[in-house]
Amino acid sequence: MILYLFQKCILQWQLYVGLRDYFPTVMTII
């Protein structure tokens, strides 16, 4: 169960980093 939450957290972080790389202007506004 903990491993599942850990993997989910990593996927969320990778998605955040990917969005930040794709939309740097949006992240600077936020």
N, C-alpha and C. Protein backbone atom coordinates (compact mmCIF):
# COMPACT_ATOMS: atom_id res chain seq x y z
N MET A 1 0.84 -1.20 0.00
CA MET A 1 0.00 0.00 0.00
C MET A 1 0.88 1.26 0.00
N ILE A 2 1.88 1.24 0.86
CA ILE A 2 2.76 2.41 0.91
C ILE A 2 3.53 2.56 -0.40
N LEU A 3 3.93 1.42 -0.97
CA LEU A 3 4.66 1.47 -2.25
C LEU A 3 3.78 2.07 -3.34
N TYR A 4 2.48 1.73 -3.30
CA TYR A 4 1.55 2.27 -4.30
C TYR A 4 1.45 3.79 -4.16
N LEU A 5 1.32 4.27 -2.93
CA LEU A 5 1.23 5.71 -2.70
C LEU A 5 2.53 6.39 -3.13
N PHE A 6 3.66 5.71 -2.87
CA PHE A 6 4.96 6.28 -3.25
C PHE A 6 5.05 6.44 -4.76
N GLN A 7 4.66 5.38 -5.50
CA GLN A 7 4.70 5.44 -6.96
C GLN A 7 3.75 6.53 -7.48
N LYS A 8 2.59 6.64 -6.86
CA LYS A 8 1.62 7.65 -7.29
C LYS A 8 2.19 9.05 -7.08
N CYS A 9 2.87 9.23 -5.96
CA CYS A 9 3.47 10.54 -5.66
C CYS A 9 4.54 10.87 -6.69
N ILE A 10 5.35 9.87 -7.06
CA ILE A 10 6.41 10.09 -8.04
C ILE A 10 5.80 10.45 -9.40
N LEU A 11 4.71 9.76 -9.79
CA LEU A 11 4.07 10.07 -11.06
C LEU A 11 3.53 11.50 -11.04
N GLN A 12 2.94 11.90 -9.92
CA GLN A 12 2.41 13.27 -9.81
C GLN A 12 3.56 14.27 -9.95
N TRP A 13 4.71 13.97 -9.32
CA TRP A 13 5.85 14.88 -9.37
C TRP A 13 6.39 14.97 -10.80
N GLN A 14 6.49 13.82 -11.48
CA GLN A 14 6.98 13.82 -12.86
C GLN A 14 6.04 14.62 -13.75
N LEU A 15 4.73 14.48 -13.51
CA LEU A 15 3.75 15.22 -14.30
C LEU A 15 3.90 16.72 -14.06
N TYR A 16 4.13 17.11 -12.80
CA TYR A 16 4.32 18.53 -12.46
C TYR A 16 5.56 19.08 -13.14
N VAL A 17 6.64 18.31 -13.08
CA VAL A 17 7.89 18.75 -13.70
C VAL A 17 7.72 18.86 -15.22
N GLY A 18 7.00 17.89 -15.81
CA GLY A 18 6.77 17.93 -17.25
C GLY A 18 5.96 19.16 -17.65
N LEU A 19 4.91 19.45 -16.90
CA LEU A 19 4.09 20.63 -17.20
C LEU A 19 4.91 21.90 -17.01
N ARG A 20 5.77 21.91 -16.00
CA ARG A 20 6.59 23.09 -15.76
C ARG A 20 7.56 23.31 -16.91
N ASP A 21 8.06 22.20 -17.48
CA ASP A 21 8.99 22.33 -18.61
C ASP A 21 8.25 22.76 -19.88
N TYR A 22 7.00 22.28 -20.04
CA TYR A 22 6.24 22.62 -21.24
C TYR A 22 5.67 24.03 -21.17
N PHE A 23 5.25 24.44 -19.97
CA PHE A 23 4.63 25.76 -19.85
C PHE A 23 5.37 26.61 -18.81
N PRO A 24 6.58 27.07 -19.11
CA PRO A 24 7.34 27.88 -18.15
C PRO A 24 6.67 29.23 -17.91
N THR A 25 6.04 29.77 -18.93
CA THR A 25 5.39 31.08 -18.78
C THR A 25 4.22 30.99 -17.81
N VAL A 26 3.46 29.90 -17.90
CA VAL A 26 2.32 29.72 -17.00
C VAL A 26 2.81 29.58 -15.56
N MET A 27 3.93 28.86 -15.38
CA MET A 27 4.44 28.66 -14.03
C MET A 27 4.97 29.97 -13.45
N THR A 28 5.53 30.82 -14.29
CA THR A 28 6.04 32.09 -13.77
C THR A 28 4.88 32.98 -13.35
N ILE A 29 3.75 32.90 -14.06
CA ILE A 29 2.57 33.68 -13.69
C ILE A 29 2.02 33.16 -12.35
N ILE A 30 1.99 31.84 -12.20
CA ILE A 30 1.53 31.26 -10.94
C ILE A 30 2.66 31.35 -9.94
